């Protein structure tokens, strides 16, 4: 969280470049805090149970999608 990029980010950027060379539009999203935010949301709503990991992943994915949509809404 110090602003530096790790090996996973480097791999993601390399993949982005390869996909763009093939004509794909790629948007990178910093998703490091989405899991923490998802846990907070589920705690606030009182969601518990066996499916917690799936719920956390689903909420985190929705936060990533929301970030993407908001960024593209501003461009339009």
N, C-alpha and C. Protein backbone atom coordinates (compact mmCIF):
# COMPACT_ATOMS: atom_id res chain seq x y z
N UNK A 1 0.81 -1.19 0.00
CA UNK A 1 0.00 0.00 0.00
C UNK A 1 0.86 1.26 0.00
N UNK A 2 2.14 1.10 -0.28
CA UNK A 2 3.04 2.25 -0.28
C UNK A 2 3.18 2.89 -1.66
N UNK A 3 2.36 2.47 -2.59
CA UNK A 3 2.39 3.04 -3.94
C UNK A 3 3.24 2.25 -4.92
N UNK A 4 4.04 1.32 -4.41
CA UNK A 4 4.86 0.51 -5.31
C UNK A 4 4.02 -0.65 -5.86
N UNK A 5 4.44 -1.16 -7.00
CA UNK A 5 3.73 -2.28 -7.60
C UNK A 5 4.52 -3.56 -7.40
N UNK A 6 3.81 -4.61 -7.13
CA UNK A 6 4.44 -5.90 -6.92
C UNK A 6 4.43 -6.74 -8.19
N UNK A 7 4.87 -7.98 -8.07
CA UNK A 7 4.95 -8.88 -9.22
C UNK A 7 3.60 -9.11 -9.92
N UNK A 8 2.52 -9.19 -9.15
CA UNK A 8 1.21 -9.43 -9.75
C UNK A 8 0.79 -8.24 -10.62
N UNK A 9 1.05 -7.03 -10.15
CA UNK A 9 0.71 -5.83 -10.92
C UNK A 9 1.53 -5.79 -12.21
N UNK A 10 2.79 -6.16 -12.11
CA UNK A 10 3.65 -6.18 -13.31
C UNK A 10 3.11 -7.18 -14.33
N UNK A 11 2.71 -8.35 -13.87
CA UNK A 11 2.14 -9.36 -14.77
C UNK A 11 0.84 -8.85 -15.39
N UNK A 12 0.02 -8.16 -14.59
CA UNK A 12 -1.23 -7.62 -15.10
C UNK A 12 -0.99 -6.57 -16.18
N UNK A 13 -0.01 -5.71 -15.97
CA UNK A 13 0.32 -4.70 -16.98
C UNK A 13 0.84 -5.35 -18.26
N UNK A 14 1.65 -6.38 -18.11
CA UNK A 14 2.17 -7.08 -19.29
C UNK A 14 1.03 -7.74 -20.07
N UNK A 15 0.10 -8.36 -19.37
CA UNK A 15 -1.06 -8.96 -20.03
C UNK A 15 -1.90 -7.90 -20.73
N UNK A 16 -2.09 -6.77 -20.06
CA UNK A 16 -2.84 -5.66 -20.65
C UNK A 16 -2.20 -5.24 -21.97
N UNK A 17 -0.90 -5.08 -21.99
CA UNK A 17 -0.20 -4.67 -23.21
C UNK A 17 -0.40 -5.69 -24.33
N UNK A 18 -0.29 -6.98 -24.00
CA UNK A 18 -0.48 -8.02 -25.03
C UNK A 18 -1.90 -8.01 -25.57
N UNK A 19 -2.88 -7.83 -24.70
CA UNK A 19 -4.27 -7.79 -25.15
C UNK A 19 -4.54 -6.56 -26.01
N UNK A 20 -3.97 -5.43 -25.62
CA UNK A 20 -4.17 -4.21 -26.41
C UNK A 20 -3.51 -4.31 -27.78
N UNK A 21 -2.41 -5.01 -27.86
CA UNK A 21 -1.77 -5.24 -29.16
C UNK A 21 -2.68 -6.02 -30.10
N UNK A 22 -3.58 -6.80 -29.52
CA UNK A 22 -4.53 -7.60 -30.30
C UNK A 22 -5.87 -6.87 -30.49
N UNK A 23 -5.92 -5.61 -30.08
CA UNK A 23 -7.11 -4.80 -30.32
C UNK A 23 -8.13 -4.78 -29.20
N UNK A 24 -7.81 -5.37 -28.06
CA UNK A 24 -8.74 -5.37 -26.93
C UNK A 24 -8.57 -4.11 -26.10
N UNK A 25 -9.66 -3.59 -25.60
CA UNK A 25 -9.60 -2.47 -24.68
C UNK A 25 -9.54 -3.02 -23.26
N UNK A 26 -8.55 -2.60 -22.49
CA UNK A 26 -8.35 -3.13 -21.15
C UNK A 26 -8.28 -1.98 -20.15
N UNK A 27 -8.98 -2.14 -19.05
CA UNK A 27 -8.93 -1.17 -17.96
C UNK A 27 -8.42 -1.88 -16.72
N UNK A 28 -7.35 -1.36 -16.15
CA UNK A 28 -6.83 -1.92 -14.90
C UNK A 28 -7.51 -1.22 -13.73
N UNK A 29 -7.85 -2.01 -12.71
CA UNK A 29 -8.50 -1.47 -11.52
C UNK A 29 -7.69 -1.92 -10.31
N UNK A 30 -7.37 -1.00 -9.43
CA UNK A 30 -6.69 -1.33 -8.18
C UNK A 30 -7.71 -1.95 -7.24
N UNK A 31 -7.59 -3.25 -7.03
CA UNK A 31 -8.61 -3.96 -6.26
C UNK A 31 -8.10 -4.42 -4.90
N UNK A 32 -6.98 -3.86 -4.46
CA UNK A 32 -6.37 -4.34 -3.21
C UNK A 32 -7.28 -4.20 -2.00
N UNK A 33 -8.07 -3.17 -1.95
CA UNK A 33 -8.89 -2.95 -0.75
C UNK A 33 -10.32 -3.47 -0.89
N UNK A 34 -10.67 -4.03 -2.02
CA UNK A 34 -12.05 -4.44 -2.22
C UNK A 34 -12.48 -5.56 -1.27
N UNK A 35 -11.57 -6.47 -0.94
CA UNK A 35 -11.92 -7.54 -0.02
C UNK A 35 -12.19 -6.98 1.37
N UNK A 36 -11.37 -6.04 1.80
CA UNK A 36 -11.58 -5.40 3.10
C UNK A 36 -12.92 -4.67 3.11
N UNK A 37 -13.21 -3.94 2.04
CA UNK A 37 -14.48 -3.23 1.95
C UNK A 37 -15.65 -4.21 1.93
N UNK A 38 -15.49 -5.32 1.22
CA UNK A 38 -16.56 -6.32 1.15
C UNK A 38 -16.84 -6.90 2.53
N UNK A 39 -15.80 -7.21 3.30
CA UNK A 39 -16.00 -7.72 4.66
C UNK A 39 -16.75 -6.69 5.51
N UNK A 40 -16.39 -5.42 5.37
CA UNK A 40 -17.06 -4.37 6.14
C UNK A 40 -18.54 -4.28 5.77
N UNK A 41 -18.84 -4.35 4.49
CA UNK A 41 -20.23 -4.28 4.03
C UNK A 41 -21.03 -5.45 4.58
N UNK A 42 -20.47 -6.65 4.50
CA UNK A 42 -21.18 -7.83 4.99
C UNK A 42 -21.35 -7.79 6.50
N UNK A 43 -20.37 -7.26 7.21
CA UNK A 43 -20.48 -7.13 8.66
C UNK A 43 -21.59 -6.15 9.02
N UNK A 44 -21.65 -5.03 8.29
CA UNK A 44 -22.70 -4.03 8.54
C UNK A 44 -24.09 -4.61 8.31
N UNK A 45 -24.21 -5.48 7.32
CA UNK A 45 -25.52 -6.04 6.99
C UNK A 45 -25.83 -7.30 7.79
N UNK A 46 -24.86 -7.75 8.60
CA UNK A 46 -25.10 -8.92 9.44
C UNK A 46 -25.08 -10.24 8.69
N UNK A 47 -24.48 -10.27 7.52
CA UNK A 47 -24.44 -11.50 6.73
C UNK A 47 -23.34 -12.41 7.26
N UNK A 48 -23.73 -13.63 7.60
CA UNK A 48 -22.79 -14.63 8.10
C UNK A 48 -23.14 -15.98 7.47
N UNK A 49 -22.38 -16.98 7.80
CA UNK A 49 -22.74 -18.31 7.36
C UNK A 49 -21.66 -18.98 6.55
N UNK A 50 -22.01 -20.17 6.06
CA UNK A 50 -21.07 -21.02 5.34
C UNK A 50 -20.61 -20.39 4.02
N UNK A 51 -21.45 -19.62 3.43
CA UNK A 51 -21.16 -19.04 2.11
C UNK A 51 -20.41 -17.71 2.21
N UNK A 52 -19.82 -17.40 3.35
CA UNK A 52 -19.17 -16.09 3.58
C UNK A 52 -18.12 -15.78 2.51
N UNK A 53 -17.24 -16.73 2.19
CA UNK A 53 -16.18 -16.49 1.20
C UNK A 53 -16.79 -16.15 -0.15
N UNK A 54 -17.81 -16.89 -0.57
CA UNK A 54 -18.47 -16.59 -1.84
C UNK A 54 -19.13 -15.23 -1.82
N UNK A 55 -19.73 -14.89 -0.70
CA UNK A 55 -20.37 -13.57 -0.58
C UNK A 55 -19.33 -12.46 -0.62
N UNK A 56 -18.22 -12.64 0.08
CA UNK A 56 -17.15 -11.64 0.07
C UNK A 56 -16.65 -11.45 -1.36
N UNK A 57 -16.41 -12.54 -2.06
CA UNK A 57 -15.93 -12.45 -3.44
C UNK A 57 -16.95 -11.76 -4.33
N UNK A 58 -18.22 -12.05 -4.14
CA UNK A 58 -19.27 -11.43 -4.96
C UNK A 58 -19.36 -9.93 -4.69
N UNK A 59 -19.30 -9.55 -3.42
CA UNK A 59 -19.36 -8.12 -3.09
C UNK A 59 -18.12 -7.42 -3.61
N UNK A 60 -16.95 -8.03 -3.45
CA UNK A 60 -15.71 -7.43 -3.96
C UNK A 60 -15.79 -7.25 -5.47
N UNK A 61 -16.31 -8.25 -6.17
CA UNK A 61 -16.46 -8.14 -7.62
C UNK A 61 -17.40 -7.01 -8.00
N UNK A 62 -18.47 -6.84 -7.23
CA UNK A 62 -19.40 -5.75 -7.53
C UNK A 62 -18.75 -4.39 -7.28
N UNK A 63 -17.87 -4.30 -6.28
CA UNK A 63 -17.15 -3.05 -6.03
C UNK A 63 -16.19 -2.73 -7.18
N UNK A 64 -15.53 -3.76 -7.71
CA UNK A 64 -14.63 -3.57 -8.85
C UNK A 64 -15.43 -3.10 -10.06
N UNK A 65 -16.57 -3.73 -10.31
CA UNK A 65 -17.41 -3.34 -11.43
C UNK A 65 -17.92 -1.91 -11.25
N UNK A 66 -18.31 -1.56 -10.05
CA UNK A 66 -18.79 -0.21 -9.78
C UNK A 66 -17.68 0.82 -10.06
N UNK A 67 -16.45 0.51 -9.66
CA UNK A 67 -15.31 1.39 -9.93
C UNK A 67 -15.14 1.58 -11.43
N UNK A 68 -15.21 0.50 -12.17
CA UNK A 68 -15.07 0.55 -13.63
C UNK A 68 -16.18 1.39 -14.25
N UNK A 69 -17.41 1.13 -13.87
CA UNK A 69 -18.54 1.86 -14.45
C UNK A 69 -18.48 3.34 -14.12
N UNK A 70 -18.12 3.67 -12.89
CA UNK A 70 -18.01 5.08 -12.51
C UNK A 70 -16.91 5.77 -13.30
N UNK A 71 -15.80 5.11 -13.53
CA UNK A 71 -14.70 5.71 -14.30
C UNK A 71 -15.13 5.95 -15.74
N UNK A 72 -15.88 5.04 -16.32
CA UNK A 72 -16.30 5.18 -17.70
C UNK A 72 -17.50 6.15 -17.84
N UNK A 73 -18.26 6.31 -16.80
CA UNK A 73 -19.36 7.26 -16.81
C UNK A 73 -18.80 8.68 -16.87
N UNK A 74 -17.69 8.91 -16.16
CA UNK A 74 -17.05 10.22 -16.16
C UNK A 74 -16.46 10.56 -17.53
N UNK A 75 -16.03 9.55 -18.28
CA UNK A 75 -15.47 9.77 -19.61
C UNK A 75 -16.53 10.16 -20.61
N UNK A 76 -17.75 9.69 -20.40
CA UNK A 76 -18.82 9.92 -21.38
C UNK A 76 -19.39 11.30 -21.31
